[in-house]
Each structure stands twice: as C-alpha cells, then as structure tokens.
Amino acid sequence: MAVQDQDLQGRTIVVTGASSGIGAVGAARLAARGATVAVVGRDPERTARVAEEIGAAHFLADFGRLDDVRKLADQLLGRFPQIDVLVNNAGGSWPDRAVTVDGNERTFQVNHLGGFLLTGLLLDRLRQAPRARVINTSSLTYRTAKLNLDTVNAPSGSFSMLGAYAATKLANIVFTRELVRRTGLVSAAFHPGAVATNVYDNIPFGIGAFIRSPLARPFFIRPAQGAEPLVHLAATRDVEAIDGKYFHRFKEESPSVKQAVDPVFAAQLWELSEQLTGVSYQR
C-alpha cells in the first residue's frame, strides 16, 4: 500500500462483523498499523479471540436485535472519546424469510438497518474527528437488485435468498451516497471480491463449507485478499478520492443500477430507515 495508507497512530476504528472473514483480517491489519481497533462481532468466543490476538477491545452485538446495536453505540461512546472510522461490515444471507424481534425482515435489518442505526448513533462523535469516514461493505450482487420499498421489509410473501441479499447490498450503496449528501461525512462502499467466508454458511446443502474448502480456491479469494480494499478505504488520507463512491475492490465503479443514483429513491429509503430504527440524523 502507499505510504499515505500506513500511519494510523492515534486513530480509533470500529469494525463490525469482525469475528471472522474480512472483518477479522481487516481489524488485525488496521491494528498492526497502529490504530486502536474496536472488534465487534456476534459470536462471543470468536469475537474475543480475534480481539485478544490483536490486542484490541471487543464488543458483542447481534444486528438482528436493534437494542443490541443501541447498546453497542452506548458502549463505544463511553469507551472512545474519538472515533475516526466506522466500518459497517456486519452482514449475512439466509435461505428463508424471517422476522426479527424488531419486526423487520432479517436480511434487510442485519445488512442495512443495523449499520444505518449505528452510524446515526455515532454520527456526532465521527464528525468531531479529522478525516473521519464511514466504510460500508457492499457486493457486486447489487447489479442484479431491484429494491422495492413496499416489500423489502414485508413479514410474508415470496422470498429469494439472493434477491434479498442483493437488495440490501444496493441499499448499502444508496446509504453511502446519501450519507455524504445529508451529513457531509466522508463515506465509501466497496465490493471485496468473491471471498470464501462464513457469509455463505446458511446456503443449503453444505455449499458454504465447500466455498471455504481448497476445492473452491480457483473461484473464490481468501479473506486476506478480500480485506485489502477495506483496509485501504479505512486508512487512506486521500478522502476526496473515495468520498461518496463505490469500489469494485480498488477500482471505482459508477453504479449501474438506476436506483443507486436516484435522489428521490434515496430520500425514500432514508425516510423508511429512520422510521424503522428510530434514529434521526441531524444535518
């Protein structure tokens, strides 16, 4: 990486979804560059192990429960007087529709609403830090998505695992762009590549285990490679080069889906997200 990406001394970085995969690798690499890292995960043992290995603090939160996200925000604000980077990396994919305890469709809540809520609750602390930014893990699957705001959070109806996941990855890009417009905070979204991680665990027939096996290596990259753009976006000093943009790994990509760049749609998604999470972003 370039010299401008290396010095993270004195900077605090929160990484969600950091108990495994690209989040764990990214947290370790950011800590190795001198950052104070908050490791956030859902699994107690794995999250604690990752944090212990890199000498970081760890925090537990299940993004399927918005009260967990609110508690997490309180803990982070109480622990860190400065927060420079928030990496919204928590996410998942499930074969069946399920409704969370908050009444939201699970994929939509975990992959979009949880990060939207956490960002809003940490917004003032982020605004106080120089070169602060929010990095959102998206996916190239957004290219196939159509995000219907009337059905994306419905408790019943037809359901497609890939369709639901792609819709939330499109929401990540829309959120990134609208966050910049509404708050002035630097933000970027990225596709890490086809990475063999636990995100595939819920695919039926043991496909997740196959994807992480040596047999799948010609088709999937390892988490060490997938974490590279996450680390770069969190560490770069050239914030103007990333602000409001979506990257296919390191290459900037103009979103190919109309909804991703539609300001009216962005405002509608934002309003729905505020209603469902109860957080209000102050301009």
C-alpha atoms as a PDB file:
ATOM      1  CA  MET A   1       0.000   0.000   0.000  1.00  0.00           C
ATOM      2  CA  ALA A   2       1.038   3.584  -0.465  1.00  0.00           C
ATOM      3  CA  VAL A   3       2.797   5.474   2.311  1.00  0.00           C
ATOM      4  CA  GLN A   4      -0.323   7.596   2.778  1.00  0.00           C
ATOM      5  CA  ASP A   5      -2.177   4.494   3.959  1.00  0.00           C
ATOM      6  CA  GLN A   6       0.243   3.441   6.682  1.00  0.00           C
ATOM      7  CA  ASP A   7       0.167   5.753   9.698  1.00  0.00           C
ATOM      8  CA  LEU A   8      -2.857   5.075  11.900  1.00  0.00           C
ATOM      9  CA  GLN A   9      -1.372   6.003  15.258  1.00  0.00           C
ATOM     10  CA  GLY A  10      -3.902   7.846  17.396  1.00  0.00           C
ATOM     11  CA  ARG A  11      -6.877   6.825  15.267  1.00  0.00           C
ATOM     12  CA  THR A  12      -9.786   4.729  16.529  1.00  0.00           C
ATOM     13  CA  ILE A  13     -11.509   2.381  14.113  1.00  0.00           C
ATOM     14  CA  VAL A  14     -14.697   0.398  14.763  1.00  0.00           C
ATOM     15  CA  VAL A  15     -15.088  -2.753  12.647  1.00  0.00           C
ATOM     16  CA  THR A  16     -18.374  -4.644  12.792  1.00  0.00           C
ATOM     17  CA  GLY A  17     -18.674  -8.208  11.598  1.00  0.00           C
ATOM     18  CA  ALA A  18     -15.094  -8.667  12.795  1.00  0.00           C
ATOM     19  CA  SER A  19     -15.294 -12.088  14.421  1.00  0.00           C
ATOM     20  CA  SER A  20     -14.271 -13.818  11.178  1.00  0.00           C
ATOM     21  CA  GLY A  21     -13.630 -13.294   7.475  1.00  0.00           C
ATOM     22  CA  ILE A  22     -12.584  -9.957   6.025  1.00  0.00           C
ATOM     23  CA  GLY A  23     -13.669  -8.133   9.177  1.00  0.00           C
ATOM     24  CA  ALA A  24     -11.261 -10.123  11.349  1.00  0.00           C
ATOM     25  CA  VAL A  25      -8.401  -9.765   8.885  1.00  0.00           C
ATOM     26  CA  GLY A  26      -9.121  -6.079   8.359  1.00  0.00           C
ATOM     27  CA  ALA A  27      -9.211  -5.423  12.105  1.00  0.00           C
ATOM     28  CA  ALA A  28      -5.858  -7.165  12.551  1.00  0.00           C
ATOM     29  CA  ARG A  29      -4.194  -5.222   9.752  1.00  0.00           C
ATOM     30  CA  LEU A  30      -5.519  -1.883  10.955  1.00  0.00           C
ATOM     31  CA  ALA A  31      -4.301  -2.644  14.471  1.00  0.00           C
ATOM     32  CA  ALA A  32      -0.889  -3.613  13.080  1.00  0.00           C
ATOM     33  CA  ARG A  33      -0.657  -0.137  11.563  1.00  0.00           C
ATOM     34  CA  GLY A  34      -1.128   1.445  14.943  1.00  0.00           C
ATOM     35  CA  ALA A  35      -4.880   2.035  15.108  1.00  0.00           C
ATOM     36  CA  THR A  36      -6.945   1.489  18.224  1.00  0.00           C
ATOM     37  CA  VAL A  37      -9.480  -1.042  16.944  1.00  0.00           C
ATOM     38  CA  ALA A  38     -12.877  -1.962  18.357  1.00  0.00           C
ATOM     39  CA  VAL A  39     -13.683  -5.524  17.289  1.00  0.00           C
ATOM     40  CA  VAL A  40     -17.450  -6.016  17.031  1.00  0.00           C
ATOM     41  CA  GLY A  41     -18.991  -9.432  16.482  1.00  0.00           C
ATOM     42  CA  ARG A  42     -21.959 -11.619  17.299  1.00  0.00           C
ATOM     43  CA  ASP A  43     -20.171 -14.791  18.401  1.00  0.00           C
ATOM     44  CA  PRO A  44     -18.698 -14.341  21.914  1.00  0.00           C
ATOM     45  CA  GLU A  45     -15.804 -16.798  21.602  1.00  0.00           C
ATOM     46  CA  ARG A  46     -14.669 -15.844  18.111  1.00  0.00           C
ATOM     47  CA  THR A  47     -15.006 -12.113  18.768  1.00  0.00           C
ATOM     48  CA  ALA A  48     -12.982 -12.333  21.990  1.00  0.00           C
ATOM     49  CA  ARG A  49     -10.332 -14.465  20.287  1.00  0.00           C
ATOM     50  CA  VAL A  50      -9.865 -12.028  17.392  1.00  0.00           C
ATOM     51  CA  ALA A  51      -9.606  -9.094  19.806  1.00  0.00           C
ATOM     52  CA  GLU A  52      -7.145 -10.885  22.077  1.00  0.00           C
ATOM     53  CA  GLU A  53      -4.894 -11.829  19.171  1.00  0.00           C
ATOM     54  CA  ILE A  54      -4.551  -8.221  18.031  1.00  0.00           C
ATOM     55  CA  GLY A  55      -4.636  -6.552  21.443  1.00  0.00           C
ATOM     56  CA  ALA A  56      -7.970  -4.836  20.890  1.00  0.00           C
ATOM     57  CA  ALA A  57     -11.174  -4.311  22.832  1.00  0.00           C
ATOM     58  CA  HIS A  58     -14.146  -6.403  21.777  1.00  0.00           C
ATOM     59  CA  PHE A  59     -17.876  -5.719  21.814  1.00  0.00           C
ATOM     60  CA  LEU A  60     -20.790  -8.084  21.236  1.00  0.00           C
ATOM     61  CA  ALA A  61     -23.811  -7.181  19.140  1.00  0.00           C
ATOM     62  CA  ASP A  62     -26.331  -9.173  17.141  1.00  0.00           C
ATOM     63  CA  PHE A  63     -27.562  -6.869  14.393  1.00  0.00           C
ATOM     64  CA  GLY A  64     -30.735  -8.935  14.310  1.00  0.00           C
ATOM     65  CA  ARG A  65     -31.632  -7.086  17.518  1.00  0.00           C
ATOM     66  CA  LEU A  66     -31.659  -3.288  17.273  1.00  0.00           C
ATOM     67  CA  ASP A  67     -31.393  -2.983  21.049  1.00  0.00           C
ATOM     68  CA  ASP A  68     -28.007  -4.702  20.719  1.00  0.00           C
ATOM     69  CA  VAL A  69     -26.957  -2.007  18.258  1.00  0.00           C
ATOM     70  CA  ARG A  70     -28.121   0.743  20.605  1.00  0.00           C
ATOM     71  CA  LYS A  71     -26.226  -0.856  23.490  1.00  0.00           C
ATOM     72  CA  LEU A  72     -23.154  -1.173  21.284  1.00  0.00           C
ATOM     73  CA  ALA A  73     -23.283   2.519  20.409  1.00  0.00           C
ATOM     74  CA  ASP A  74     -23.523   3.445  24.102  1.00  0.00           C
ATOM     75  CA  GLN A  75     -20.527   1.232  24.897  1.00  0.00           C
ATOM     76  CA  LEU A  76     -18.420   2.667  22.074  1.00  0.00           C
ATOM     77  CA  LEU A  77     -19.249   6.256  23.005  1.00  0.00           C
ATOM     78  CA  GLY A  78     -18.415   5.538  26.626  1.00  0.00           C
ATOM     79  CA  ARG A  79     -15.114   3.856  25.772  1.00  0.00           C
ATOM     80  CA  PHE A  80     -13.692   6.013  22.977  1.00  0.00           C
ATOM     81  CA  PRO A  81     -13.540   9.833  23.191  1.00  0.00           C
ATOM     82  CA  GLN A  82     -12.655   9.861  19.496  1.00  0.00           C
ATOM     83  CA  ILE A  83     -13.946   7.621  16.709  1.00  0.00           C
ATOM     84  CA  ASP A  84     -12.277   8.169  13.350  1.00  0.00           C
ATOM     85  CA  VAL A  85     -13.612   5.340  11.190  1.00  0.00           C
ATOM     86  CA  LEU A  86     -16.704   3.162  11.292  1.00  0.00           C
ATOM     87  CA  VAL A  87     -16.576   0.071   9.101  1.00  0.00           C
ATOM     88  CA  ASN A  88     -20.098  -1.299   8.628  1.00  0.00           C
ATOM     89  CA  ASN A  89     -19.132  -4.848   7.693  1.00  0.00           C
ATOM     90  CA  ALA A  90     -21.671  -6.943   9.624  1.00  0.00           C
ATOM     91  CA  GLY A  91     -23.961  -8.888   7.335  1.00  0.00           C
ATOM     92  CA  GLY A  92     -25.369 -12.217   6.330  1.00  0.00           C
ATOM     93  CA  SER A  93     -27.623 -14.141   3.991  1.00  0.00           C
ATOM     94  CA  TRP A  94     -30.352 -16.648   4.800  1.00  0.00           C
ATOM     95  CA  PRO A  95     -32.378 -19.058   2.656  1.00  0.00           C
ATOM     96  CA  ASP A  96     -35.726 -18.266   4.275  1.00  0.00           C
ATOM     97  CA  ARG A  97     -37.615 -15.141   5.218  1.00  0.00           C
ATOM     98  CA  ALA A  98     -37.593 -14.445   8.935  1.00  0.00           C
ATOM     99  CA  VAL A  99     -38.829 -11.543  11.036  1.00  0.00           C
ATOM    100  CA  THR A 100     -36.609 -10.136  13.781  1.00  0.00           C
ATOM    101  CA  VAL A 101     -37.730  -9.229  17.278  1.00  0.00           C
ATOM    102  CA  ASP A 102     -37.965  -5.665  15.964  1.00  0.00           C
ATOM    103  CA  GLY A 103     -40.491  -6.704  13.324  1.00  0.00           C
ATOM    104  CA  ASN A 104     -38.163  -6.317  10.338  1.00  0.00           C
ATOM    105  CA  GLU A 105     -37.173  -8.767   7.635  1.00  0.00           C
ATOM    106  CA  ARG A 106     -33.911 -10.289   8.876  1.00  0.00           C
ATOM    107  CA  THR A 107     -31.657  -9.713   5.850  1.00  0.00           C
ATOM    108  CA  PHE A 108     -32.779  -6.100   5.495  1.00  0.00           C
ATOM    109  CA  GLN A 109     -32.222  -5.402   9.177  1.00  0.00           C
ATOM    110  CA  VAL A 110     -28.845  -7.086   9.577  1.00  0.00           C
ATOM    111  CA  ASN A 111     -27.349  -5.846   6.305  1.00  0.00           C
ATOM    112  CA  HIS A 112     -28.794  -2.328   6.185  1.00  0.00           C
ATOM    113  CA  LEU A 113     -30.837  -1.114   9.140  1.00  0.00           C
ATOM    114  CA  GLY A 114     -28.274  -2.126  11.766  1.00  0.00           C
ATOM    115  CA  GLY A 115     -25.495  -0.154  10.103  1.00  0.00           C
ATOM    116  CA  PHE A 116     -27.823   2.772   9.447  1.00  0.00           C
ATOM    117  CA  LEU A 117     -28.731   2.886  13.139  1.00  0.00           C
ATOM    118  CA  LEU A 118     -25.158   2.523  14.406  1.00  0.00           C
ATOM    119  CA  THR A 119     -23.894   5.241  12.067  1.00  0.00           C
ATOM    120  CA  GLY A 120     -26.612   7.616  13.201  1.00  0.00           C
ATOM    121  CA  LEU A 121     -25.872   6.997  16.869  1.00  0.00           C
ATOM    122  CA  LEU A 122     -22.123   7.553  16.366  1.00  0.00           C
ATOM    123  CA  LEU A 123     -22.520  10.449  13.930  1.00  0.00           C
ATOM    124  CA  ASP A 124     -21.659  13.299  16.284  1.00  0.00           C
ATOM    125  CA  ARG A 125     -18.523  11.532  17.544  1.00  0.00           C
ATOM    126  CA  LEU A 126     -17.408  10.825  13.984  1.00  0.00           C
ATOM    127  CA  ARG A 127     -17.975  14.428  12.963  1.00  0.00           C
ATOM    128  CA  GLN A 128     -15.532  15.579  15.628  1.00  0.00           C
ATOM    129  CA  ALA A 129     -12.616  13.635  14.144  1.00  0.00           C
ATOM    130  CA  PRO A 130     -10.440  14.893  11.264  1.00  0.00           C
ATOM    131  CA  ARG A 131     -10.605  12.732   8.110  1.00  0.00           C
ATOM    132  CA  ALA A 132     -13.371  10.625   9.688  1.00  0.00           C
ATOM    133  CA  ARG A 133     -15.281   8.311   7.416  1.00  0.00           C
ATOM    134  CA  VAL A 134     -17.840   5.502   7.205  1.00  0.00           C
ATOM    135  CA  ILE A 135     -16.947   2.475   5.090  1.00  0.00           C
ATOM    136  CA  ASN A 136     -19.734   0.113   4.003  1.00  0.00           C
ATOM    137  CA  THR A 137     -19.176  -3.423   2.758  1.00  0.00           C
ATOM    138  CA  SER A 138     -21.391  -3.935  -0.278  1.00  0.00           C
ATOM    139  CA  SER A 139     -21.304  -6.508  -3.092  1.00  0.00           C
ATOM    140  CA  LEU A 140     -21.386  -6.682  -6.866  1.00  0.00           C
ATOM    141  CA  THR A 141     -24.695  -8.522  -6.447  1.00  0.00           C
ATOM    142  CA  TYR A 142     -26.249  -5.044  -6.215  1.00  0.00           C
ATOM    143  CA  ARG A 143     -26.107  -5.066 -10.038  1.00  0.00           C
ATOM    144  CA  THR A 144     -28.957  -7.596 -10.107  1.00  0.00           C
ATOM    145  CA  ALA A 145     -31.072  -5.902  -7.453  1.00  0.00           C
ATOM    146  CA  LYS A 146     -34.374  -4.129  -7.522  1.00  0.00           C
ATOM    147  CA  LEU A 147     -35.141  -2.633  -4.145  1.00  0.00           C
ATOM    148  CA  ASN A 148     -38.902  -2.426  -3.675  1.00  0.00           C
ATOM    149  CA  LEU A 149     -39.537  -0.369  -0.552  1.00  0.00           C
ATOM    150  CA  ASP A 150     -43.088  -1.707  -0.320  1.00  0.00           C
ATOM    151  CA  THR A 151     -41.934  -5.328   0.012  1.00  0.00           C
ATOM    152  CA  VAL A 152     -38.296  -5.300   1.180  1.00  0.00           C
ATOM    153  CA  ASN A 153     -39.376  -5.381   4.817  1.00  0.00           C
ATOM    154  CA  ALA A 154     -42.553  -7.409   4.434  1.00  0.00           C
ATOM    155  CA  PRO A 155     -43.138 -10.175   7.023  1.00  0.00           C
ATOM    156  CA  SER A 156     -44.502 -12.578   4.414  1.00  0.00           C
ATOM    157  CA  GLY A 157     -44.618 -13.229   0.693  1.00  0.00           C
ATOM    158  CA  SER A 158     -42.279 -14.698  -1.883  1.00  0.00           C
ATOM    159  CA  PHE A 159     -38.617 -14.718  -0.888  1.00  0.00           C
ATOM    160  CA  SER A 160     -35.331 -15.186  -2.702  1.00  0.00           C
ATOM    161  CA  MET A 161     -32.127 -15.536  -0.715  1.00  0.00           C
ATOM    162  CA  LEU A 162     -30.011 -13.947  -3.445  1.00  0.00           C
ATOM    163  CA  GLY A 163     -32.640 -11.318  -4.236  1.00  0.00           C
ATOM    164  CA  ALA A 164     -32.911 -10.228  -0.605  1.00  0.00           C
ATOM    165  CA  TYR A 165     -29.138 -10.099  -0.228  1.00  0.00           C
ATOM    166  CA  ALA A 166     -28.658  -8.141  -3.455  1.00  0.00           C
ATOM    167  CA  ALA A 167     -31.323  -5.634  -2.420  1.00  0.00           C
ATOM    168  CA  THR A 168     -29.521  -4.908   0.832  1.00  0.00           C
ATOM    169  CA  LYS A 169     -26.196  -4.517  -0.961  1.00  0.00           C
ATOM    170  CA  LEU A 170     -27.863  -1.933  -3.207  1.00  0.00           C
ATOM    171  CA  ALA A 171     -29.179  -0.258  -0.046  1.00  0.00           C
ATOM    172  CA  ASN A 172     -25.590  -0.043   1.228  1.00  0.00           C
ATOM    173  CA  ILE A 173     -24.564   1.945  -1.842  1.00  0.00           C
ATOM    174  CA  VAL A 174     -27.605   4.220  -1.681  1.00  0.00           C
ATOM    175  CA  PHE A 175     -26.932   4.833   2.020  1.00  0.00           C
ATOM    176  CA  THR A 176     -23.286   5.658   1.310  1.00  0.00           C
ATOM    177  CA  ARG A 177     -24.134   8.307  -1.247  1.00  0.00           C
ATOM    178  CA  GLU A 178     -26.996   9.814   0.745  1.00  0.00           C
ATOM    179  CA  LEU A 179     -24.914   9.898   3.946  1.00  0.00           C
ATOM    180  CA  VAL A 180     -22.394  12.130   2.181  1.00  0.00           C
ATOM    181  CA  ARG A 181     -25.120  14.394   0.806  1.00  0.00           C
ATOM    182  CA  ARG A 182     -27.009  14.781   4.075  1.00  0.00           C
ATOM    183  CA  THR A 183     -24.181  14.978   6.615  1.00  0.00           C
ATOM    184  CA  GLY A 184     -21.008  15.939   4.751  1.00  0.00           C
ATOM    185  CA  LEU A 185     -19.276  12.980   6.373  1.00  0.00           C
ATOM    186  CA  VAL A 186     -16.881  11.068   4.110  1.00  0.00           C
ATOM    187  CA  SER A 187     -18.220   7.658   3.129  1.00  0.00           C
ATOM    188  CA  ALA A 188     -17.438   4.911   0.624  1.00  0.00           C
ATOM    189  CA  ALA A 189     -18.773   1.461  -0.252  1.00  0.00           C
ATOM    190  CA  PHE A 190     -16.903  -1.461  -1.738  1.00  0.00           C
ATOM    191  CA  HIS A 191     -17.160  -4.977  -3.110  1.00  0.00           C
ATOM    192  CA  PRO A 192     -14.379  -7.079  -1.547  1.00  0.00           C
ATOM    193  CA  GLY A 193     -14.405  -9.722  -4.270  1.00  0.00           C
ATOM    194  CA  ALA A 194     -15.851 -13.226  -4.198  1.00  0.00           C
ATOM    195  CA  VAL A 195     -14.480 -14.115  -0.775  1.00  0.00           C
ATOM    196  CA  ALA A 196     -14.689 -17.520   0.894  1.00  0.00           C
ATOM    197  CA  THR A 197     -16.126 -16.502   4.282  1.00  0.00           C
ATOM    198  CA  ASN A 198     -18.828 -17.516   6.742  1.00  0.00           C
ATOM    199  CA  VAL A 199     -21.370 -15.317   4.955  1.00  0.00           C
ATOM    200  CA  TYR A 200     -22.184 -18.388   2.843  1.00  0.00           C
ATOM    201  CA  ASP A 201     -22.802 -20.686   5.818  1.00  0.00           C
ATOM    202  CA  ASN A 202     -26.577 -20.520   5.534  1.00  0.00           C
ATOM    203  CA  ILE A 203     -26.721 -21.627   1.911  1.00  0.00           C
ATOM    204  CA  PRO A 204     -28.318 -25.108   1.832  1.00  0.00           C
ATOM    205  CA  PHE A 205     -26.578 -28.393   1.012  1.00  0.00           C
ATOM    206  CA  GLY A 206     -23.253 -27.530   2.637  1.00  0.00           C
ATOM    207  CA  ILE A 207     -22.296 -25.080  -0.082  1.00  0.00           C
ATOM    208  CA  GLY A 208     -20.793 -22.729   2.487  1.00  0.00           C
ATOM    209  CA  ALA A 209     -18.332 -25.382   3.651  1.00  0.00           C
ATOM    210  CA  PHE A 210     -17.411 -26.151   0.045  1.00  0.00           C
ATOM    211  CA  ILE A 211     -16.757 -22.470  -0.714  1.00  0.00           C
ATOM    212  CA  ARG A 212     -14.243 -22.299   2.143  1.00  0.00           C
ATOM    213  CA  SER A 213     -12.559 -25.568   1.130  1.00  0.00           C
ATOM    214  CA  PRO A 214      -9.435 -25.870  -1.081  1.00  0.00           C
ATOM    215  CA  LEU A 215     -11.649 -27.135  -3.926  1.00  0.00           C
ATOM    216  CA  ALA A 216     -13.184 -23.668  -4.338  1.00  0.00           C
ATOM    217  CA  ARG A 217      -9.916 -21.740  -4.430  1.00  0.00           C
ATOM    218  CA  PRO A 218      -9.936 -21.274  -8.219  1.00  0.00           C
ATOM    219  CA  PHE A 219     -13.248 -19.412  -7.869  1.00  0.00           C
ATOM    220  CA  PHE A 220     -13.047 -17.587  -4.527  1.00  0.00           C
ATOM    221  CA  ILE A 221     -10.363 -15.446  -2.943  1.00  0.00           C
ATOM    222  CA  ARG A 222      -9.305 -15.802   0.682  1.00  0.00           C
ATOM    223  CA  PRO A 223     -10.297 -13.304   3.406  1.00  0.00           C
ATOM    224  CA  ALA A 224      -6.734 -11.943   3.448  1.00  0.00           C
ATOM    225  CA  GLN A 225      -7.266 -10.665  -0.095  1.00  0.00           C
ATOM    226  CA  GLY A 226     -10.856  -9.599   0.479  1.00  0.00           C
ATOM    227  CA  ALA A 227      -9.818  -7.374   3.385  1.00  0.00           C
ATOM    228  CA  GLU A 228      -7.371  -5.348   1.279  1.00  0.00           C
ATOM    229  CA  PRO A 229      -9.868  -2.738  -0.029  1.00  0.00           C
ATOM    230  CA  LEU A 230     -11.442  -2.436   3.436  1.00  0.00           C
ATOM    231  CA  VAL A 231      -8.062  -1.559   4.931  1.00  0.00           C
ATOM    232  CA  HIS A 232      -7.222   0.861   2.128  1.00  0.00           C
ATOM    233  CA  LEU A 233     -10.513   2.763   2.396  1.00  0.00           C
ATOM    234  CA  ALA A 234     -10.239   2.961   6.182  1.00  0.00           C
ATOM    235  CA  ALA A 235      -6.624   4.101   6.104  1.00  0.00           C
ATOM    236  CA  THR A 236      -6.215   6.362   3.088  1.00  0.00           C
ATOM    237  CA  ARG A 237      -5.598  10.020   3.717  1.00  0.00           C
ATOM    238  CA  ASP A 238      -6.916  10.931   0.279  1.00  0.00           C
ATOM    239  CA  VAL A 239     -10.546  11.137   1.366  1.00  0.00           C
ATOM    240  CA  GLU A 240     -11.579  13.127  -1.696  1.00  0.00           C
ATOM    241  CA  ALA A 241     -10.668  10.152  -3.873  1.00  0.00           C
ATOM    242  CA  ILE A 242     -13.128   7.864  -2.090  1.00  0.00           C
ATOM    243  CA  ASP A 243     -15.913  10.169  -0.907  1.00  0.00           C
ATOM    244  CA  GLY A 244     -19.378   9.032  -1.937  1.00  0.00           C
ATOM    245  CA  LYS A 245     -18.009   6.364  -4.247  1.00  0.00           C
ATOM    246  CA  TYR A 246     -18.414   2.652  -4.783  1.00  0.00           C
ATOM    247  CA  PHE A 247     -15.395   0.462  -5.489  1.00  0.00           C
ATOM    248  CA  HIS A 248     -15.148  -2.960  -7.069  1.00  0.00           C
ATOM    249  CA  ARG A 249     -12.216  -3.903  -4.875  1.00  0.00           C
ATOM    250  CA  PHE A 250      -9.860  -0.984  -5.668  1.00  0.00           C
ATOM    251  CA  LYS A 251     -11.472   0.199  -8.897  1.00  0.00           C
ATOM    252  CA  GLU A 252     -14.064   2.947  -8.740  1.00  0.00           C
ATOM    253  CA  GLU A 253     -17.315   1.882 -10.394  1.00  0.00           C
ATOM    254  CA  SER A 254     -20.183   4.138 -11.352  1.00  0.00           C
ATOM    255  CA  PRO A 255     -23.257   2.304 -10.046  1.00  0.00           C
ATOM    256  CA  SER A 256     -25.005   0.591 -12.937  1.00  0.00           C
ATOM    257  CA  VAL A 257     -28.437   0.345 -11.274  1.00  0.00           C
ATOM    258  CA  LYS A 258     -30.663   3.405 -11.670  1.00  0.00           C
ATOM    259  CA  GLN A 259     -31.951   3.226  -8.093  1.00  0.00           C
ATOM    260  CA  ALA A 260     -28.397   3.598  -6.795  1.00  0.00           C
ATOM    261  CA  VAL A 261     -28.160   7.153  -8.147  1.00  0.00           C
ATOM    262  CA  ASP A 262     -31.799   8.241  -7.903  1.00  0.00           C
ATOM    263  CA  PRO A 263     -32.072  11.053  -5.298  1.00  0.00           C
ATOM    264  CA  VAL A 264     -35.826  10.600  -4.885  1.00  0.00           C
ATOM    265  CA  PHE A 265     -35.400   6.899  -4.159  1.00  0.00           C
ATOM    266  CA  ALA A 266     -32.520   7.657  -1.783  1.00  0.00           C
ATOM    267  CA  ALA A 267     -34.723  10.050   0.184  1.00  0.00           C
ATOM    268  CA  GLN A 268     -37.476   7.422   0.379  1.00  0.00           C
ATOM    269  CA  LEU A 269     -35.091   4.724   1.629  1.00  0.00           C
ATOM    270  CA  TRP A 270     -33.635   7.162   4.150  1.00  0.00           C
ATOM    271  CA  GLU A 271     -37.065   8.095   5.498  1.00  0.00           C
ATOM    272  CA  LEU A 272     -38.061   4.429   5.797  1.00  0.00           C
ATOM    273  CA  SER A 273     -34.789   3.623   7.572  1.00  0.00           C
ATOM    274  CA  GLU A 274     -35.287   6.413  10.089  1.00  0.00           C
ATOM    275  CA  GLN A 275     -38.832   5.236  10.775  1.00  0.00           C
ATOM    276  CA  LEU A 276     -37.772   1.615  11.325  1.00  0.00           C
ATOM    277  CA  THR A 277     -34.744   2.377  13.520  1.00  0.00           C
ATOM    278  CA  GLY A 278     -35.989   5.436  15.398  1.00  0.00           C
ATOM    279  CA  VAL A 279     -32.775   7.326  14.741  1.00  0.00           C
ATOM    280  CA  SER A 280     -32.854  10.836  13.321  1.00  0.00           C
ATOM    281  CA  TYR A 281     -29.813  12.252  11.553  1.00  0.00           C
ATOM    282  CA  GLN A 282     -29.369  15.951  12.285  1.00  0.00           C
ATOM    283  CA  ARG A 283     -27.966  17.949   9.381  1.00  0.00           C
END
